Full PDB file with SEQRES, HELIX, SHEET, SSBOND, CRYST1, ORIGX, SCALE, CONECT and MASTER records, all heavy atoms in Angstrom:
SEQRES   1 A   29  ASP MET THR LEU THR GLU PHE LYS PHE ILE TRP TYR MET          
SEQRES   2 A   29  GLU TYR SER HIS ARG MET TRP GLY ARG VAL VAL GLY LEU          
SEQRES   3 A   29  ALA TYR ILE                                                  
HELIX    1 AA1 LEU A    4  TYR A   28  1                                  25    
CRYST1    1.000    1.000    1.000  90.00  90.00  90.00 P 1           1          
ORIGX1      1.000000  0.000000  0.000000        0.00000                         
ORIGX2      0.000000  1.000000  0.000000        0.00000                         
ORIGX3      0.000000  0.000000  1.000000        0.00000                         
SCALE1      1.000000  0.000000  0.000000        0.00000                         
SCALE2      0.000000  1.000000  0.000000        0.00000                         
SCALE3      0.000000  0.000000  1.000000        0.00000                         
ATOM      1  N   ASP A   1       3.858 -18.048 -13.733  1.00  0.00           N  
ATOM      2  CA  ASP A   1       2.638 -17.807 -14.485  1.00  0.00           C  
ATOM      3  C   ASP A   1       2.233 -16.338 -14.498  1.00  0.00           C  
ATOM      4  O   ASP A   1       1.104 -16.006 -14.848  1.00  0.00           O  
ATOM      5  CB  ASP A   1       1.487 -18.657 -13.896  1.00  0.00           C  
ATOM      6  CG  ASP A   1       1.285 -18.370 -12.401  1.00  0.00           C  
ATOM      7  OD1 ASP A   1       2.169 -17.744 -11.797  1.00  0.00           O  
ATOM      8  OD2 ASP A   1       0.233 -18.790 -11.877  1.00  0.00           O  
ATOM      9  N   MET A   2       3.149 -15.450 -14.141  1.00  0.00           N  
ATOM     10  CA  MET A   2       2.812 -14.023 -14.122  1.00  0.00           C  
ATOM     11  C   MET A   2       2.583 -13.513 -15.538  1.00  0.00           C  
ATOM     12  O   MET A   2       3.382 -13.793 -16.444  1.00  0.00           O  
ATOM     13  CB  MET A   2       3.932 -13.217 -13.462  1.00  0.00           C  
ATOM     14  CG  MET A   2       3.672 -11.715 -13.434  1.00  0.00           C  
ATOM     15  SD  MET A   2       5.012 -10.796 -12.662  1.00  0.00           S  
ATOM     16  CE  MET A   2       4.686 -11.108 -10.949  1.00  0.00           C  
ATOM     17  N   THR A   3       1.501 -12.779 -15.722  1.00  0.00           N  
ATOM     18  CA  THR A   3       1.203 -12.205 -17.028  1.00  0.00           C  
ATOM     19  C   THR A   3       1.928 -10.850 -17.172  1.00  0.00           C  
ATOM     20  O   THR A   3       2.418 -10.283 -16.187  1.00  0.00           O  
ATOM     21  CB  THR A   3      -0.310 -11.975 -17.208  1.00  0.00           C  
ATOM     22  OG1 THR A   3      -0.732 -10.994 -16.240  1.00  0.00           O  
ATOM     23  CG2 THR A   3      -1.068 -13.276 -16.992  1.00  0.00           C  
ATOM     24  N   LEU A   4       1.966 -10.344 -18.390  1.00  0.00           N  
ATOM     25  CA  LEU A   4       2.610  -9.064 -18.647  1.00  0.00           C  
ATOM     26  C   LEU A   4       1.893  -7.942 -17.889  1.00  0.00           C  
ATOM     27  O   LEU A   4       2.531  -7.037 -17.358  1.00  0.00           O  
ATOM     28  CB  LEU A   4       2.619  -8.773 -20.164  1.00  0.00           C  
ATOM     29  CG  LEU A   4       3.336  -7.486 -20.586  1.00  0.00           C  
ATOM     30  CD1 LEU A   4       4.786  -7.505 -20.157  1.00  0.00           C  
ATOM     31  CD2 LEU A   4       3.210  -7.281 -22.085  1.00  0.00           C  
ATOM     32  N   THR A   5       0.570  -8.016 -17.822  1.00  0.00           N  
ATOM     33  CA  THR A   5      -0.211  -6.991 -17.117  1.00  0.00           C  
ATOM     34  C   THR A   5       0.133  -6.983 -15.619  1.00  0.00           C  
ATOM     35  O   THR A   5       0.290  -5.932 -15.012  1.00  0.00           O  
ATOM     36  CB  THR A   5      -1.711  -7.244 -17.296  1.00  0.00           C  
ATOM     37  OG1 THR A   5      -2.026  -7.259 -18.701  1.00  0.00           O  
ATOM     38  CG2 THR A   5      -2.531  -6.162 -16.597  1.00  0.00           C  
ATOM     39  N   GLU A   6       0.254  -8.171 -15.023  1.00  0.00           N  
ATOM     40  CA  GLU A   6       0.614  -8.285 -13.613  1.00  0.00           C  
ATOM     41  C   GLU A   6       2.030  -7.746 -13.357  1.00  0.00           C  
ATOM     42  O   GLU A   6       2.284  -7.086 -12.352  1.00  0.00           O  
ATOM     43  CB  GLU A   6       0.503  -9.734 -13.142  1.00  0.00           C  
ATOM     44  CG  GLU A   6      -0.952 -10.233 -13.078  1.00  0.00           C  
ATOM     45  CD  GLU A   6      -1.034 -11.733 -12.854  1.00  0.00           C  
ATOM     46  OE1 GLU A   6      -0.066 -12.448 -13.202  1.00  0.00           O  
ATOM     47  OE2 GLU A   6      -2.064 -12.193 -12.360  1.00  0.00           O  
ATOM     48  N   PHE A   7       2.934  -8.046 -14.305  1.00  0.00           N  
ATOM     49  CA  PHE A   7       4.294  -7.553 -14.140  1.00  0.00           C  
ATOM     50  C   PHE A   7       4.335  -6.022 -14.255  1.00  0.00           C  
ATOM     51  O   PHE A   7       5.038  -5.356 -13.486  1.00  0.00           O  
ATOM     52  CB  PHE A   7       5.198  -8.157 -15.229  1.00  0.00           C  
ATOM     53  CG  PHE A   7       6.573  -7.552 -15.255  1.00  0.00           C  
ATOM     54  CD1 PHE A   7       7.525  -7.892 -14.309  1.00  0.00           C  
ATOM     55  CD2 PHE A   7       6.928  -6.596 -16.203  1.00  0.00           C  
ATOM     56  CE1 PHE A   7       8.784  -7.314 -14.314  1.00  0.00           C  
ATOM     57  CE2 PHE A   7       8.170  -6.010 -16.222  1.00  0.00           C  
ATOM     58  CZ  PHE A   7       9.110  -6.380 -15.276  1.00  0.00           C  
ATOM     59  N   LYS A   8       3.532  -5.476 -15.170  1.00  0.00           N  
ATOM     60  CA  LYS A   8       3.515  -4.009 -15.319  1.00  0.00           C  
ATOM     61  C   LYS A   8       3.005  -3.334 -14.059  1.00  0.00           C  
ATOM     62  O   LYS A   8       3.501  -2.258 -13.689  1.00  0.00           O  
ATOM     63  CB  LYS A   8       2.602  -3.641 -16.502  1.00  0.00           C  
ATOM     64  CG  LYS A   8       3.229  -3.859 -17.877  1.00  0.00           C  
ATOM     65  CD  LYS A   8       2.267  -3.412 -18.970  1.00  0.00           C  
ATOM     66  CE  LYS A   8       2.906  -3.543 -20.350  1.00  0.00           C  
ATOM     67  NZ  LYS A   8       1.977  -3.102 -21.402  1.00  0.00           N  
ATOM     68  N   PHE A   9       2.052  -3.964 -13.387  1.00  0.00           N  
ATOM     69  CA  PHE A   9       1.510  -3.375 -12.145  1.00  0.00           C  
ATOM     70  C   PHE A   9       2.628  -3.242 -11.095  1.00  0.00           C  
ATOM     71  O   PHE A   9       2.795  -2.200 -10.478  1.00  0.00           O  
ATOM     72  CB  PHE A   9       0.363  -4.239 -11.597  1.00  0.00           C  
ATOM     73  CG  PHE A   9      -0.173  -3.787 -10.281  1.00  0.00           C  
ATOM     74  CD1 PHE A   9      -0.967  -2.653 -10.214  1.00  0.00           C  
ATOM     75  CD2 PHE A   9       0.137  -4.468  -9.106  1.00  0.00           C  
ATOM     76  CE1 PHE A   9      -1.481  -2.214  -8.985  1.00  0.00           C  
ATOM     77  CE2 PHE A   9      -0.355  -4.033  -7.877  1.00  0.00           C  
ATOM     78  CZ  PHE A   9      -1.169  -2.917  -7.837  1.00  0.00           C  
ATOM     79  N   ILE A  10       3.395  -4.317 -10.921  1.00  0.00           N  
ATOM     80  CA  ILE A  10       4.504  -4.289  -9.946  1.00  0.00           C  
ATOM     81  C   ILE A  10       5.585  -3.311 -10.409  1.00  0.00           C  
ATOM     82  O   ILE A  10       6.118  -2.545  -9.593  1.00  0.00           O  
ATOM     83  CB  ILE A  10       5.101  -5.720  -9.785  1.00  0.00           C  
ATOM     84  CG1 ILE A  10       4.076  -6.659  -9.162  1.00  0.00           C  
ATOM     85  CG2 ILE A  10       6.365  -5.682  -8.943  1.00  0.00           C  
ATOM     86  CD1 ILE A  10       4.521  -8.091  -9.090  1.00  0.00           C  
ATOM     87  N   TRP A  11       5.871  -3.321 -11.695  1.00  0.00           N  
ATOM     88  CA  TRP A  11       6.916  -2.434 -12.220  1.00  0.00           C  
ATOM     89  C   TRP A  11       6.553  -0.978 -12.014  1.00  0.00           C  
ATOM     90  O   TRP A  11       7.399  -0.170 -11.589  1.00  0.00           O  
ATOM     91  CB  TRP A  11       7.119  -2.713 -13.717  1.00  0.00           C  
ATOM     92  CG  TRP A  11       8.310  -2.008 -14.303  1.00  0.00           C  
ATOM     93  CD1 TRP A  11       9.582  -2.479 -14.395  1.00  0.00           C  
ATOM     94  CD2 TRP A  11       8.309  -0.687 -14.893  1.00  0.00           C  
ATOM     95  NE1 TRP A  11      10.395  -1.525 -14.985  1.00  0.00           N  
ATOM     96  CE2 TRP A  11       9.644  -0.422 -15.302  1.00  0.00           C  
ATOM     97  CE3 TRP A  11       7.331   0.292 -15.105  1.00  0.00           C  
ATOM     98  CZ2 TRP A  11       9.995   0.763 -15.913  1.00  0.00           C  
ATOM     99  CZ3 TRP A  11       7.704   1.477 -15.707  1.00  0.00           C  
ATOM    100  CH2 TRP A  11       9.019   1.708 -16.116  1.00  0.00           C  
ATOM    101  N   TYR A  12       5.305  -0.622 -12.279  1.00  0.00           N  
ATOM    102  CA  TYR A  12       4.894   0.777 -12.117  1.00  0.00           C  
ATOM    103  C   TYR A  12       4.864   1.200 -10.645  1.00  0.00           C  
ATOM    104  O   TYR A  12       5.114   2.355 -10.315  1.00  0.00           O  
ATOM    105  CB  TYR A  12       3.528   1.022 -12.759  1.00  0.00           C  
ATOM    106  CG  TYR A  12       3.608   1.267 -14.249  1.00  0.00           C  
ATOM    107  CD1 TYR A  12       3.002   0.399 -15.150  1.00  0.00           C  
ATOM    108  CD2 TYR A  12       4.304   2.353 -14.749  1.00  0.00           C  
ATOM    109  CE1 TYR A  12       3.101   0.610 -16.521  1.00  0.00           C  
ATOM    110  CE2 TYR A  12       4.404   2.583 -16.121  1.00  0.00           C  
ATOM    111  CZ  TYR A  12       3.790   1.692 -17.004  1.00  0.00           C  
ATOM    112  OH  TYR A  12       3.899   1.912 -18.345  1.00  0.00           O  
ATOM    113  N   MET A  13       4.560   0.254  -9.751  1.00  0.00           N  
ATOM    114  CA  MET A  13       4.614   0.579  -8.316  1.00  0.00           C  
ATOM    115  C   MET A  13       6.054   0.946  -7.925  1.00  0.00           C  
ATOM    116  O   MET A  13       6.297   1.936  -7.243  1.00  0.00           O  
ATOM    117  CB  MET A  13       4.146  -0.615  -7.479  1.00  0.00           C  
ATOM    118  CG  MET A  13       2.647  -0.804  -7.450  1.00  0.00           C  
ATOM    119  SD  MET A  13       2.164  -2.196  -6.408  1.00  0.00           S  
ATOM    120  CE  MET A  13       2.687  -1.634  -4.800  1.00  0.00           C  
ATOM    121  N   GLU A  14       7.010   0.123  -8.360  1.00  0.00           N  
ATOM    122  CA  GLU A  14       8.415   0.378  -8.045  1.00  0.00           C  
ATOM    123  C   GLU A  14       8.905   1.668  -8.733  1.00  0.00           C  
ATOM    124  O   GLU A  14       9.578   2.498  -8.105  1.00  0.00           O  
ATOM    125  CB  GLU A  14       9.262  -0.822  -8.497  1.00  0.00           C  
ATOM    126  CG  GLU A  14      10.751  -0.631  -8.376  1.00  0.00           C  
ATOM    127  CD  GLU A  14      11.228  -0.480  -6.929  1.00  0.00           C  
ATOM    128  OE1 GLU A  14      10.496  -0.912  -6.016  1.00  0.00           O  
ATOM    129  OE2 GLU A  14      12.339   0.055  -6.731  1.00  0.00           O  
ATOM    130  N   TYR A  15       8.527   1.845  -9.973  1.00  0.00           N  
ATOM    131  CA  TYR A  15       8.951   3.033 -10.726  1.00  0.00           C  
ATOM    132  C   TYR A  15       8.386   4.312 -10.078  1.00  0.00           C  
ATOM    133  O   TYR A  15       9.095   5.308  -9.931  1.00  0.00           O  
ATOM    134  CB  TYR A  15       8.458   2.911 -12.180  1.00  0.00           C  
ATOM    135  CG  TYR A  15       8.862   4.066 -13.063  1.00  0.00           C  
ATOM    136  CD1 TYR A  15      10.173   4.191 -13.525  1.00  0.00           C  
ATOM    137  CD2 TYR A  15       7.944   5.058 -13.427  1.00  0.00           C  
ATOM    138  CE1 TYR A  15      10.536   5.251 -14.340  1.00  0.00           C  
ATOM    139  CE2 TYR A  15       8.302   6.116 -14.228  1.00  0.00           C  
ATOM    140  CZ  TYR A  15       9.600   6.211 -14.684  1.00  0.00           C  
ATOM    141  OH  TYR A  15       9.956   7.267 -15.475  1.00  0.00           O  
ATOM    142  N   SER A  16       7.109   4.247  -9.665  1.00  0.00           N  
ATOM    143  CA  SER A  16       6.487   5.414  -9.043  1.00  0.00           C  
ATOM    144  C   SER A  16       7.175   5.754  -7.717  1.00  0.00           C  
ATOM    145  O   SER A  16       7.383   6.923  -7.400  1.00  0.00           O  
ATOM    146  CB  SER A  16       5.001   5.140  -8.789  1.00  0.00           C  
ATOM    147  OG  SER A  16       4.326   4.870 -10.000  1.00  0.00           O  
ATOM    148  N   HIS A  17       7.544   4.721  -6.966  1.00  0.00           N  
ATOM    149  CA  HIS A  17       8.229   4.936  -5.699  1.00  0.00           C  
ATOM    150  C   HIS A  17       9.562   5.644  -5.925  1.00  0.00           C  
ATOM    151  O   HIS A  17       9.924   6.588  -5.203  1.00  0.00           O  
ATOM    152  CB  HIS A  17       8.440   3.600  -5.007  1.00  0.00           C  
ATOM    153  CG  HIS A  17       9.168   3.695  -3.699  1.00  0.00           C  
ATOM    154  ND1 HIS A  17       8.617   4.308  -2.574  1.00  0.00           N  
ATOM    155  CD2 HIS A  17      10.414   3.292  -3.303  1.00  0.00           C  
ATOM    156  CE1 HIS A  17       9.460   4.255  -1.578  1.00  0.00           C  
ATOM    157  NE2 HIS A  17      10.566   3.664  -1.987  1.00  0.00           N  
ATOM    158  N   ARG A  18      10.296   5.193  -6.926  1.00  0.00           N  
ATOM    159  CA  ARG A  18      11.595   5.809  -7.227  1.00  0.00           C  
ATOM    160  C   ARG A  18      11.425   7.271  -7.678  1.00  0.00           C  
ATOM    161  O   ARG A  18      12.147   8.165  -7.237  1.00  0.00           O  
ATOM    162  CB  ARG A  18      12.323   5.005  -8.285  1.00  0.00           C  
ATOM    163  CG  ARG A  18      12.752   3.628  -7.845  1.00  0.00           C  
ATOM    164  CD  ARG A  18      13.559   2.945  -8.939  1.00  0.00           C  
ATOM    165  NE  ARG A  18      13.867   1.564  -8.580  1.00  0.00           N  
ATOM    166  CZ  ARG A  18      14.894   0.880  -9.092  1.00  0.00           C  
ATOM    167  NH1 ARG A  18      15.691   1.466  -9.972  1.00  0.00           N  
ATOM    168  NH2 ARG A  18      15.113  -0.366  -8.730  1.00  0.00           N  
ATOM    169  N   MET A  19      10.480   7.470  -8.583  1.00  0.00           N  
ATOM    170  CA  MET A  19      10.260   8.838  -9.091  1.00  0.00           C  
ATOM    171  C   MET A  19       9.784   9.761  -7.981  1.00  0.00           C  
ATOM    172  O   MET A  19      10.211  10.924  -7.914  1.00  0.00           O  
ATOM    173  CB  MET A  19       9.225   8.804 -10.232  1.00  0.00           C  
ATOM    174  CG  MET A  19       9.709   8.137 -11.515  1.00  0.00           C  
ATOM    175  SD  MET A  19      11.193   8.903 -12.204  1.00  0.00           S  
ATOM    176  CE  MET A  19      12.421   7.659 -11.820  1.00  0.00           C  
ATOM    177  N   TRP A  20       8.920   9.262  -7.124  1.00  0.00           N  
ATOM    178  CA  TRP A  20       8.401  10.080  -6.023  1.00  0.00           C  
ATOM    179  C   TRP A  20       9.542  10.443  -5.074  1.00  0.00           C  
ATOM    180  O   TRP A  20       9.645  11.578  -4.594  1.00  0.00           O  
ATOM    181  CB  TRP A  20       7.312   9.330  -5.273  1.00  0.00           C  
ATOM    182  CG  TRP A  20       6.672  10.139  -4.173  1.00  0.00           C  
ATOM    183  CD1 TRP A  20       6.807   9.975  -2.833  1.00  0.00           C  
ATOM    184  CD2 TRP A  20       5.789  11.254  -4.344  1.00  0.00           C  
ATOM    185  NE1 TRP A  20       6.054  10.905  -2.152  1.00  0.00           N  
ATOM    186  CE2 TRP A  20       5.422  11.711  -3.065  1.00  0.00           C  
ATOM    187  CE3 TRP A  20       5.263  11.886  -5.467  1.00  0.00           C  
ATOM    188  CZ2 TRP A  20       4.573  12.792  -2.843  1.00  0.00           C  
ATOM    189  CZ3 TRP A  20       4.405  12.971  -5.257  1.00  0.00           C  
ATOM    190  CH2 TRP A  20       4.057  13.416  -3.969  1.00  0.00           C  
ATOM    191  N   GLY A  21      10.434   9.484  -4.806  1.00  0.00           N  
ATOM    192  CA  GLY A  21      11.603   9.739  -3.962  1.00  0.00           C  
ATOM    193  C   GLY A  21      12.487  10.813  -4.552  1.00  0.00           C  
ATOM    194  O   GLY A  21      12.998  11.686  -3.835  1.00  0.00           O  
ATOM    195  N   ARG A  22      12.672  10.785  -5.874  1.00  0.00           N  
ATOM    196  CA  ARG A  22      13.514  11.801  -6.521  1.00  0.00           C  
ATOM    197  C   ARG A  22      12.840  13.183  -6.506  1.00  0.00           C  
ATOM    198  O   ARG A  22      13.518  14.197  -6.314  1.00  0.00           O  
ATOM    199  CB  ARG A  22      13.799  11.377  -7.982  1.00  0.00           C  
ATOM    200  CG  ARG A  22      14.772  10.205  -8.044  1.00  0.00           C  
ATOM    201  CD  ARG A  22      14.796   9.536  -9.386  1.00  0.00           C  
ATOM    202  NE  ARG A  22      15.667   8.361  -9.370  1.00  0.00           N  
ATOM    203  CZ  ARG A  22      15.683   7.426 -10.288  1.00  0.00           C  
ATOM    204  NH1 ARG A  22      14.858   7.501 -11.328  1.00  0.00           N  
ATOM    205  NH2 ARG A  22      16.493   6.386 -10.196  1.00  0.00           N  
ATOM    206  N   VAL A  23      11.520  13.192  -6.680  1.00  0.00           N  
ATOM    207  CA  VAL A  23      10.793  14.461  -6.587  1.00  0.00           C  
ATOM    208  C   VAL A  23      10.899  15.068  -5.209  1.00  0.00           C  
ATOM    209  O   VAL A  23      11.115  16.275  -5.033  1.00  0.00           O  
ATOM    210  CB  VAL A  23       9.307  14.253  -6.997  1.00  0.00           C  
ATOM    211  CG1 VAL A  23       8.477  15.487  -6.646  1.00  0.00           C  
ATOM    212  CG2 VAL A  23       9.192  13.959  -8.492  1.00  0.00           C  
ATOM    213  N   VAL A  24      10.772  14.218  -4.190  1.00  0.00           N  
ATOM    214  CA  VAL A  24      10.892  14.690  -2.804  1.00  0.00           C  
ATOM    215  C   VAL A  24      12.278  15.266  -2.571  1.00  0.00           C  
ATOM    216  O   VAL A  24      12.449  16.322  -1.948  1.00  0.00           O  
ATOM    217  CB  VAL A  24      10.631  13.535  -1.810  1.00  0.00           C  
ATOM    218  CG1 VAL A  24      11.035  13.930  -0.403  1.00  0.00           C  
ATOM    219  CG2 VAL A  24       9.162  13.141  -1.825  1.00  0.00           C  
ATOM    220  N   GLY A  25      13.306  14.570  -3.085  1.00  0.00           N  
ATOM    221  CA  GLY A  25      14.684  15.070  -2.954  1.00  0.00           C  
ATOM    222  C   GLY A  25      14.877  16.433  -3.597  1.00  0.00           C  
ATOM    223  O   GLY A  25      15.453  17.343  -3.002  1.00  0.00           O  
ATOM    224  N   LEU A  26      14.361  16.597  -4.829  1.00  0.00           N  
ATOM    225  CA  LEU A  26      14.467  17.866  -5.529  1.00  0.00           C  
ATOM    226  C   LEU A  26      13.673  18.956  -4.835  1.00  0.00           C  
ATOM    227  O   LEU A  26      14.092  20.114  -4.772  1.00  0.00           O  
ATOM    228  CB  LEU A  26      13.996  17.724  -6.974  1.00  0.00           C  
ATOM    229  CG  LEU A  26      14.910  16.889  -7.906  1.00  0.00           C  
ATOM    230  CD1 LEU A  26      14.254  16.692  -9.241  1.00  0.00           C  
ATOM    231  CD2 LEU A  26      16.270  17.584  -8.052  1.00  0.00           C  
ATOM    232  N   ALA A  27      12.478  18.585  -4.313  1.00  0.00           N  
ATOM    233  CA  ALA A  27      11.633  19.549  -3.625  1.00  0.00           C  
ATOM    234  C   ALA A  27      12.302  20.070  -2.358  1.00  0.00           C  
ATOM    235  O   ALA A  27      11.962  21.154  -1.868  1.00  0.00           O  
ATOM    236  CB  ALA A  27      10.300  18.910  -3.270  1.00  0.00           C  
ATOM    237  N   TYR A  28      13.250  19.333  -1.835  1.00  0.00           N  
ATOM    238  CA  TYR A  28      13.981  19.807  -0.658  1.00  0.00           C  
ATOM    239  C   TYR A  28      15.270  20.536  -1.074  1.00  0.00           C  
ATOM    240  O   TYR A  28      15.558  21.634  -0.610  1.00  0.00           O  
ATOM    241  CB  TYR A  28      14.337  18.640   0.274  1.00  0.00           C  
ATOM    242  CG  TYR A  28      15.136  19.122   1.457  1.00  0.00           C  
ATOM    243  CD1 TYR A  28      14.517  19.733   2.528  1.00  0.00           C  
ATOM    244  CD2 TYR A  28      16.519  19.041   1.460  1.00  0.00           C  
ATOM    245  CE1 TYR A  28      15.236  20.242   3.593  1.00  0.00           C  
ATOM    246  CE2 TYR A  28      17.259  19.546   2.503  1.00  0.00           C  
ATOM    247  CZ  TYR A  28      16.630  20.133   3.559  1.00  0.00           C  
ATOM    248  OH  TYR A  28      17.353  20.659   4.594  1.00  0.00           O  
ATOM    249  N   ILE A  29      16.066  19.901  -1.936  1.00  0.00           N  
ATOM    250  CA  ILE A  29      17.397  20.422  -2.259  1.00  0.00           C  
ATOM    251  C   ILE A  29      17.347  21.720  -3.043  1.00  0.00           C  
ATOM    252  O   ILE A  29      18.122  22.658  -2.746  1.00  0.00           O  
ATOM    253  CB  ILE A  29      18.203  19.341  -3.018  1.00  0.00           C  
ATOM    254  CG1 ILE A  29      18.487  18.161  -2.091  1.00  0.00           C  
ATOM    255  CG2 ILE A  29      19.511  19.917  -3.558  1.00  0.00           C  
ATOM    256  CD1 ILE A  29      19.090  16.954  -2.775  1.00  0.00           C  
TER     257      ILE A  29                                                      
MASTER        0    0    0    1    0    0    0    6  256    1    0    3          
END                                                                             
């Protein structure tokens, strides 16, 4: 019964985590 809005919330959490990890990597390398 998950709505599209609820799915987007989870998706953006995961996407933000990945992007933040890549930014941290670039900020170091």
